[in-house]
N, C-alpha and C. Protein backbone atom coordinates (compact mmCIF):
# COMPACT_ATOMS: atom_id res chain seq x y z
N MET A 1 -41.58 51.34 27.48
CA MET A 1 -41.80 49.97 27.54
C MET A 1 -41.77 49.28 26.23
N VAL A 2 -42.17 49.95 25.15
CA VAL A 2 -42.12 49.48 23.71
C VAL A 2 -40.60 49.36 23.42
N ASN A 3 -39.76 50.44 23.81
CA ASN A 3 -38.51 50.43 23.34
C ASN A 3 -37.76 49.26 23.89
N GLN A 4 -37.99 48.87 25.12
CA GLN A 4 -37.34 47.69 25.76
C GLN A 4 -37.81 46.40 25.19
N LEU A 5 -38.83 46.37 24.62
CA LEU A 5 -39.23 45.00 23.89
C LEU A 5 -38.61 45.11 22.53
N LEU A 6 -38.41 46.32 21.93
CA LEU A 6 -37.69 46.06 20.53
C LEU A 6 -36.27 45.89 20.56
N THR A 7 -35.61 46.34 21.95
CA THR A 7 -34.28 45.99 22.02
C THR A 7 -34.02 44.64 22.58
N PHE A 8 -34.98 44.05 23.32
CA PHE A 8 -34.90 42.76 23.85
C PHE A 8 -35.06 41.72 22.80
N GLU A 9 -35.95 41.86 21.80
CA GLU A 9 -36.47 40.97 20.80
C GLU A 9 -35.27 40.56 20.05
N PRO A 10 -34.43 41.47 19.40
CA PRO A 10 -33.34 40.91 18.61
C PRO A 10 -32.24 40.24 19.31
N THR A 11 -32.13 40.68 20.61
CA THR A 11 -31.06 39.72 21.46
C THR A 11 -31.68 38.40 21.71
N SER A 12 -32.97 38.20 21.89
CA SER A 12 -33.49 36.75 22.03
C SER A 12 -33.45 36.09 20.69
N ARG A 13 -33.46 36.69 19.63
CA ARG A 13 -33.29 35.92 18.33
C ARG A 13 -31.93 35.47 18.15
N VAL A 14 -30.92 36.39 18.31
CA VAL A 14 -29.62 36.10 18.30
C VAL A 14 -29.24 34.85 19.28
N LEU A 15 -29.87 34.90 20.42
CA LEU A 15 -29.57 33.93 21.54
C LEU A 15 -30.12 32.64 20.97
N ALA A 16 -31.37 32.67 20.42
CA ALA A 16 -32.00 31.43 19.92
C ALA A 16 -31.32 30.83 18.81
N ARG A 17 -30.84 31.70 17.83
CA ARG A 17 -30.02 31.15 16.77
C ARG A 17 -28.70 30.54 17.28
N THR A 18 -28.18 31.00 18.16
CA THR A 18 -26.93 30.71 18.78
C THR A 18 -27.04 29.30 19.41
N LEU A 19 -28.04 29.26 20.21
CA LEU A 19 -28.54 28.00 20.86
C LEU A 19 -28.81 26.88 19.87
N SER A 20 -29.57 27.15 18.89
CA SER A 20 -30.01 26.13 17.76
C SER A 20 -28.78 25.75 17.07
N SER A 21 -27.95 26.57 16.72
CA SER A 21 -26.62 26.23 15.98
C SER A 21 -25.74 25.47 16.79
N ALA A 22 -25.67 25.79 18.15
CA ALA A 22 -24.78 25.07 18.92
C ALA A 22 -25.35 23.61 19.05
N SER A 23 -26.68 23.40 19.26
CA SER A 23 -27.43 22.19 19.56
C SER A 23 -27.23 21.23 18.14
N LEU A 24 -27.25 22.03 17.16
CA LEU A 24 -27.01 21.24 15.85
C LEU A 24 -25.64 20.88 15.71
N LEU A 25 -24.65 21.68 16.05
CA LEU A 25 -23.24 21.32 15.99
C LEU A 25 -22.91 20.01 17.02
N LEU A 26 -23.62 20.14 18.15
CA LEU A 26 -23.41 18.97 19.02
C LEU A 26 -24.04 17.74 18.55
N LEU A 27 -25.20 17.90 17.90
CA LEU A 27 -25.79 16.67 17.30
C LEU A 27 -24.99 16.06 16.16
N LEU A 28 -24.39 16.89 15.32
CA LEU A 28 -23.57 16.55 14.28
C LEU A 28 -22.43 15.78 14.72
N HIS A 29 -21.74 16.54 15.77
CA HIS A 29 -20.49 15.79 16.37
C HIS A 29 -20.76 14.60 17.00
N LEU A 30 -21.97 14.37 17.60
CA LEU A 30 -22.40 13.04 17.99
C LEU A 30 -22.53 12.05 16.95
N LEU A 31 -23.21 12.37 16.06
CA LEU A 31 -23.41 11.58 14.78
C LEU A 31 -22.10 11.23 14.23
N LEU A 32 -21.15 12.02 14.01
CA LEU A 32 -19.83 11.61 13.48
C LEU A 32 -18.97 10.83 14.38
N THR A 33 -19.07 10.90 15.66
CA THR A 33 -18.66 9.92 16.69
C THR A 33 -19.19 8.50 16.52
N MET A 34 -20.49 8.48 16.48
CA MET A 34 -21.18 7.18 16.23
C MET A 34 -20.91 6.45 14.96
N LEU A 35 -20.71 7.34 13.94
CA LEU A 35 -20.35 6.74 12.59
C LEU A 35 -18.83 6.15 12.53
N GLN A 36 -18.03 6.85 13.43
CA GLN A 36 -16.64 6.30 13.43
C GLN A 36 -16.57 5.16 14.31
N VAL A 37 -17.18 4.91 15.28
CA VAL A 37 -17.37 3.66 16.04
C VAL A 37 -17.98 2.74 15.23
N PHE A 38 -18.93 2.84 14.43
CA PHE A 38 -19.60 1.84 13.54
C PHE A 38 -18.55 1.52 12.39
N ASP A 39 -17.80 2.34 11.99
CA ASP A 39 -16.55 2.11 11.05
C ASP A 39 -15.67 1.20 11.69
N GLY A 40 -15.31 1.34 12.91
CA GLY A 40 -14.32 0.61 13.50
C GLY A 40 -14.96 -0.90 13.71
N LEU A 41 -16.04 -1.05 14.09
CA LEU A 41 -16.74 -2.29 14.32
C LEU A 41 -16.73 -3.02 13.04
N LEU A 42 -17.11 -2.48 11.87
CA LEU A 42 -17.36 -2.96 10.56
C LEU A 42 -15.79 -3.49 10.10
N HIS A 43 -14.78 -2.71 10.49
CA HIS A 43 -13.41 -3.14 10.06
C HIS A 43 -13.06 -4.35 10.91
N VAL A 44 -13.53 -4.54 12.24
CA VAL A 44 -13.23 -5.66 13.10
C VAL A 44 -13.91 -6.89 12.40
N LEU A 45 -15.23 -6.68 12.05
CA LEU A 45 -16.06 -7.76 11.52
C LEU A 45 -15.54 -8.33 10.19
N LEU A 46 -15.06 -7.27 9.27
CA LEU A 46 -14.46 -7.75 7.97
C LEU A 46 -13.20 -8.33 8.14
N HIS A 47 -12.39 -8.02 9.10
CA HIS A 47 -11.14 -8.69 9.33
C HIS A 47 -11.41 -10.07 9.86
N THR A 48 -12.29 -10.41 10.74
CA THR A 48 -12.80 -11.68 11.20
C THR A 48 -13.12 -12.49 9.98
N LEU A 49 -13.91 -12.04 9.08
CA LEU A 49 -14.39 -12.80 7.98
C LEU A 49 -13.34 -13.28 7.17
N GLN A 50 -12.26 -12.23 6.98
CA GLN A 50 -11.29 -12.51 6.08
C GLN A 50 -10.37 -13.55 6.76
N VAL A 51 -10.19 -13.49 7.99
CA VAL A 51 -9.34 -14.46 8.67
C VAL A 51 -9.89 -15.88 8.54
N SER A 52 -11.31 -15.92 8.72
CA SER A 52 -11.99 -17.24 8.73
C SER A 52 -11.84 -17.84 7.34
N THR A 53 -11.98 -16.99 6.32
CA THR A 53 -11.77 -17.48 4.83
C THR A 53 -10.50 -18.03 4.75
N GLY A 54 -9.40 -17.36 5.17
CA GLY A 54 -8.06 -17.72 5.07
C GLY A 54 -7.66 -19.17 5.78
N VAL A 55 -8.25 -19.17 6.96
CA VAL A 55 -8.02 -20.47 7.61
C VAL A 55 -8.68 -21.72 6.89
N LEU A 56 -9.80 -21.47 6.36
CA LEU A 56 -10.58 -22.42 5.62
C LEU A 56 -9.89 -22.80 4.27
N LEU A 57 -9.40 -21.83 3.56
CA LEU A 57 -8.51 -22.07 2.40
C LEU A 57 -7.18 -22.86 2.66
N PHE A 58 -6.54 -22.32 3.97
CA PHE A 58 -5.34 -23.15 4.30
C PHE A 58 -5.66 -24.54 4.73
N LEU A 59 -6.66 -24.94 5.41
CA LEU A 59 -7.19 -26.14 5.78
C LEU A 59 -7.50 -27.06 4.47
N GLN A 60 -8.15 -26.47 3.51
CA GLN A 60 -8.36 -27.19 2.23
C GLN A 60 -7.10 -27.50 1.62
N LEU A 61 -6.26 -26.56 1.55
CA LEU A 61 -4.79 -26.70 0.84
C LEU A 61 -4.17 -27.76 1.65
N LEU A 62 -4.13 -27.80 2.88
CA LEU A 62 -3.39 -28.85 3.64
C LEU A 62 -4.11 -30.22 3.38
N CYS A 63 -5.25 -30.38 3.13
CA CYS A 63 -6.15 -31.62 2.94
C CYS A 63 -5.63 -32.08 1.55
N HIS A 64 -5.53 -31.16 0.52
CA HIS A 64 -5.28 -31.52 -0.74
C HIS A 64 -3.75 -31.84 -1.02
N HIS A 65 -2.75 -31.09 -0.35
CA HIS A 65 -1.38 -31.38 -0.66
C HIS A 65 -0.75 -32.02 0.52
N GLY A 66 -1.36 -32.23 1.53
CA GLY A 66 -0.75 -32.81 2.68
C GLY A 66 -0.74 -34.36 2.73
N ARG A 67 -1.28 -35.02 1.63
CA ARG A 67 -1.52 -36.57 1.70
C ARG A 67 -0.15 -37.27 1.89
N SER A 68 0.76 -36.70 1.38
CA SER A 68 2.02 -37.61 1.41
C SER A 68 2.66 -37.18 2.81
N PHE A 69 2.38 -36.23 3.58
CA PHE A 69 3.04 -35.96 4.84
C PHE A 69 2.38 -36.77 5.87
N LEU A 70 1.07 -36.38 6.23
CA LEU A 70 0.32 -36.99 7.27
C LEU A 70 -1.11 -37.51 6.89
N PRO A 71 -1.03 -38.75 6.30
CA PRO A 71 -2.33 -39.16 5.68
C PRO A 71 -3.37 -39.35 6.71
N ALA A 72 -3.15 -39.70 8.15
CA ALA A 72 -4.15 -39.81 8.96
C ALA A 72 -4.67 -38.51 9.36
N ALA A 73 -3.89 -37.54 9.48
CA ALA A 73 -4.47 -36.16 9.86
C ALA A 73 -5.08 -35.40 8.71
N THR A 74 -4.75 -35.75 7.46
CA THR A 74 -5.53 -35.09 6.38
C THR A 74 -6.84 -35.71 6.40
N LEU A 75 -6.88 -37.04 6.64
CA LEU A 75 -8.27 -37.80 6.54
C LEU A 75 -9.20 -37.17 7.62
N GLY A 76 -8.72 -36.90 8.75
CA GLY A 76 -9.53 -36.29 9.69
C GLY A 76 -10.04 -34.85 9.36
N LEU A 77 -9.12 -34.07 8.71
CA LEU A 77 -9.50 -32.80 8.36
C LEU A 77 -10.42 -32.77 7.08
N GLN A 78 -10.24 -33.78 6.25
CA GLN A 78 -11.44 -33.99 5.09
C GLN A 78 -12.71 -34.26 5.73
N ARG A 79 -12.75 -35.14 6.76
CA ARG A 79 -13.99 -35.44 7.25
C ARG A 79 -14.62 -34.19 8.05
N ALA A 80 -13.74 -33.40 8.62
CA ALA A 80 -14.24 -32.24 9.33
C ALA A 80 -14.72 -31.28 8.34
N LEU A 81 -14.07 -31.13 7.13
CA LEU A 81 -14.58 -30.18 6.19
C LEU A 81 -15.56 -30.57 5.22
N GLN A 82 -15.98 -31.98 5.36
CA GLN A 82 -16.82 -32.57 4.50
C GLN A 82 -18.34 -31.74 4.46
N GLY A 83 -18.70 -31.29 5.63
CA GLY A 83 -19.96 -30.69 5.76
C GLY A 83 -19.94 -29.11 5.32
N VAL A 84 -18.76 -28.59 5.10
CA VAL A 84 -18.63 -27.34 5.00
C VAL A 84 -18.63 -27.09 3.28
N HIS A 85 -19.67 -26.43 2.77
CA HIS A 85 -19.72 -26.42 1.31
C HIS A 85 -19.10 -24.91 0.72
N SER A 86 -18.92 -24.08 1.53
CA SER A 86 -18.25 -22.90 1.12
C SER A 86 -17.71 -22.03 2.36
N SER A 87 -16.85 -21.03 2.17
CA SER A 87 -16.46 -20.37 3.17
C SER A 87 -17.40 -19.36 3.76
N LEU A 88 -18.55 -19.23 3.22
CA LEU A 88 -19.69 -18.38 3.77
C LEU A 88 -20.14 -19.13 4.91
N VAL A 89 -20.24 -20.37 5.03
CA VAL A 89 -20.79 -21.17 6.06
C VAL A 89 -19.79 -20.90 7.40
N VAL A 90 -18.78 -21.07 7.23
CA VAL A 90 -17.72 -20.76 8.20
C VAL A 90 -17.82 -19.21 8.67
N SER A 91 -17.92 -18.37 7.79
CA SER A 91 -17.82 -17.04 8.16
C SER A 91 -19.07 -16.67 8.98
N LEU A 92 -20.31 -17.30 8.50
CA LEU A 92 -21.51 -16.82 9.21
C LEU A 92 -21.53 -17.38 10.50
N GLY A 93 -20.97 -18.54 10.83
CA GLY A 93 -20.77 -19.21 12.08
C GLY A 93 -20.02 -18.34 12.96
N LEU A 94 -18.90 -17.82 12.52
CA LEU A 94 -17.86 -16.86 13.27
C LEU A 94 -18.61 -15.53 13.42
N PHE A 95 -19.46 -15.08 12.60
CA PHE A 95 -20.24 -13.89 12.75
C PHE A 95 -21.14 -14.07 14.00
N HIS A 96 -21.83 -15.25 14.19
CA HIS A 96 -22.67 -15.36 15.26
C HIS A 96 -21.93 -15.46 16.50
N LEU A 97 -20.72 -16.20 16.49
CA LEU A 97 -19.90 -16.25 17.62
C LEU A 97 -19.30 -14.84 17.96
N PHE A 98 -19.03 -13.89 17.12
CA PHE A 98 -18.67 -12.64 17.38
C PHE A 98 -19.65 -11.93 18.06
N ILE A 99 -20.97 -11.98 17.57
CA ILE A 99 -22.09 -11.21 18.24
C ILE A 99 -22.24 -11.83 19.64
N PHE A 100 -22.09 -12.96 19.82
CA PHE A 100 -22.44 -13.62 21.27
C PHE A 100 -21.38 -13.11 22.07
N LEU A 101 -19.98 -13.21 21.77
CA LEU A 101 -18.97 -12.61 22.51
C LEU A 101 -19.04 -11.28 22.79
N ARG A 102 -19.59 -10.48 21.89
CA ARG A 102 -19.71 -8.93 22.14
C ARG A 102 -20.70 -8.71 23.15
N GLN A 103 -21.91 -9.34 23.00
CA GLN A 103 -22.80 -9.21 24.20
C GLN A 103 -22.33 -9.64 25.57
N LEU A 104 -21.79 -10.93 25.52
CA LEU A 104 -21.13 -11.42 26.79
C LEU A 104 -20.30 -10.38 27.44
N SER A 105 -19.43 -9.72 26.75
CA SER A 105 -18.53 -8.72 27.34
C SER A 105 -19.17 -7.53 27.80
N LEU A 106 -20.37 -7.17 27.05
CA LEU A 106 -21.08 -6.02 27.56
C LEU A 106 -21.83 -6.25 28.83
N ASN A 107 -22.36 -7.48 29.02
CA ASN A 107 -22.94 -7.83 30.24
C ASN A 107 -21.96 -8.01 31.44
N LEU A 108 -20.88 -8.48 31.13
CA LEU A 108 -19.70 -8.56 32.20
C LEU A 108 -19.42 -7.18 32.65
N SER A 109 -19.19 -6.26 31.74
CA SER A 109 -18.87 -5.01 32.17
C SER A 109 -19.89 -4.21 32.96
N PHE A 110 -21.13 -4.50 32.58
CA PHE A 110 -22.16 -3.82 33.18
C PHE A 110 -22.23 -4.41 34.85
N ASP A 111 -21.94 -5.84 34.93
CA ASP A 111 -21.82 -6.29 36.26
C ASP A 111 -20.76 -5.70 37.13
N LEU A 112 -19.71 -5.50 36.53
CA LEU A 112 -18.50 -4.83 37.25
C LEU A 112 -18.82 -3.32 37.58
N ILE A 113 -19.64 -2.72 36.81
CA ILE A 113 -19.93 -1.32 37.24
C ILE A 113 -20.76 -1.35 38.45
N GLU A 114 -21.71 -2.39 38.51
CA GLU A 114 -22.65 -2.40 39.75
C GLU A 114 -21.85 -2.71 40.97
N LEU A 115 -20.75 -3.41 40.85
CA LEU A 115 -20.07 -3.78 42.16
C LEU A 115 -19.40 -2.56 42.61
C-alpha cells in the first residue's frame, strides 16, 4: 500500500504541474488576444482623430484661401467654425460619436442573435 502511494504521488505532481502550466499558457494566450484586439481598436480611434483634425484643417484652409472663389460659402464655413477653438473640440465630439455607434452596433448584433 505504501509503495502504491509513493508511485502515485510523483505522477499526480507531474499531472498537477502540467495542468497548471497548460492553464497558465491558456491564460497568457487569452491575454495576448485581448491586447491585440485593444491595439486594433486604439488604431481605429487614432485614425478617426487624425481624419477629424485633417478635415478641420482643410475647412480652415478653405475659409482662409477660398475668399476669392466662393465668398458666400466661406462666410457660412467661418460661421460654422467660429465656435470651434481647437481641433481637440471636434476630435472629442467624434470620440463620443464613435463610442455611441460602437455600442449601438453591439446592441443590434445581440438582437440579431436572439432572433
